[in-house]
Protein backbone atom coordinates (compact mmCIF):
# COMPACT_ATOMS: atom_id res chain seq x y z
CA UNK A 1 19.87 11.38 -5.76
CA UNK A 2 17.97 8.80 -3.39
CA UNK A 3 16.56 5.64 -5.21
CA UNK A 4 13.01 7.22 -4.19
CA UNK A 5 12.96 9.86 -6.20
CA UNK A 6 14.12 8.27 -9.56
CA UNK A 7 10.50 6.19 -9.41
CA UNK A 8 7.30 8.46 -8.21
CA UNK A 9 5.28 6.67 -6.69
CA UNK A 10 0.98 8.08 -5.94
CA UNK A 11 -1.24 7.22 -4.26
CA UNK A 12 -5.57 6.45 -5.94
CA UNK A 13 -6.17 10.79 -5.54
CA UNK A 14 -2.30 11.53 -6.68
CA UNK A 15 -0.88 12.41 -3.98
CA UNK A 16 3.26 11.41 -3.56
CA UNK A 17 3.83 8.36 -1.39
CA UNK A 18 7.10 7.89 0.48
CA UNK A 19 8.72 4.87 2.76
CA UNK A 20 7.24 5.17 5.94
CA UNK A 21 4.26 6.62 4.79
CA UNK A 22 0.74 5.40 6.34
CA UNK A 23 -1.95 4.71 3.73
CA UNK A 24 -5.78 4.03 4.23
CA UNK A 25 -7.52 1.16 2.25
CA UNK A 26 -10.68 3.15 -0.15
CA UNK A 27 -11.97 -1.00 -1.14
CA UNK A 28 -12.61 -4.40 0.51
CA UNK A 29 -9.80 -6.35 -0.55
CA UNK A 30 -9.69 -10.47 -0.29
CA UNK A 31 -5.95 -11.23 0.64
CA UNK A 32 -5.39 -14.31 -1.95
CA UNK A 33 -3.31 -17.06 -0.51
CA UNK A 34 -4.29 -16.37 3.14
CA UNK A 35 -6.87 -18.50 3.77
CA UNK A 36 -9.81 -16.27 2.66
CA UNK A 37 -8.63 -13.12 4.77
CA UNK A 38 -10.33 -10.08 3.75
CA UNK A 39 -9.09 -6.36 4.05
CA UNK A 40 -12.03 -3.84 5.15
CA UNK A 41 -12.56 -0.59 3.53
CA UNK A 42 -10.84 2.42 6.13
CA UNK A 43 -7.70 -0.53 6.98
CA UNK A 44 -4.75 1.55 8.37
CA UNK A 45 -1.55 0.25 7.19
CA UNK A 46 1.48 2.13 8.77
CA UNK A 47 5.17 2.02 7.67
CA UNK A 48 4.74 1.34 3.89
CA UNK A 49 8.22 0.49 1.87
CA UNK A 50 8.34 1.64 -1.82
CA UNK A 51 8.85 -0.97 -4.65
CA UNK A 52 10.56 -1.19 -8.32
CA UNK A 53 7.07 -0.90 -9.37
CA UNK A 54 5.42 2.38 -9.61
CA UNK A 55 1.67 0.71 -8.89
CA UNK A 56 2.80 -1.60 -6.07
CA UNK A 57 3.60 -0.71 -2.09
CA UNK A 58 4.98 -3.54 0.35
CA UNK A 59 3.33 -3.28 3.60
CA UNK A 60 2.11 -5.47 6.43
CA UNK A 61 -1.76 -5.42 7.60
CA UNK A 62 -2.70 -6.87 11.51
CA UNK A 63 -3.98 -10.27 9.72
CA UNK A 64 -1.52 -10.67 6.53
CA UNK A 65 2.17 -9.74 7.08
CA UNK A 66 4.28 -9.49 3.44
CA UNK A 67 1.55 -7.76 1.63
CA UNK A 68 1.93 -5.94 -1.59
CA UNK A 69 -0.98 -3.57 -2.45
CA UNK A 70 -1.76 -1.79 -5.76
CA UNK A 71 -1.74 1.85 -5.32
CA UNK A 72 -4.74 2.52 -6.89
CA UNK A 73 -6.90 1.13 -4.22
CA UNK A 74 -4.95 3.18 -1.32
CA UNK A 75 -5.09 6.88 -0.10
CA UNK A 76 -2.64 8.27 2.09
CA UNK A 77 -3.91 9.10 5.59
């Protein structure tokens, strides 16, 4: 049994997410600590990484590296 089988991570629509998936933002998000960067709705985030928290994923966006997103704000691309 692999580690990602222990934690079930779902996007805003209830679709299961896995390591390496691509997701799209469903809402404009202001990124704290980035100097006022806002990620726009529809932004594609590639190659996500799951965390130990089923409500959060780690990723890199074009403007922000080392970003942690809440799964309630993304949908599987």
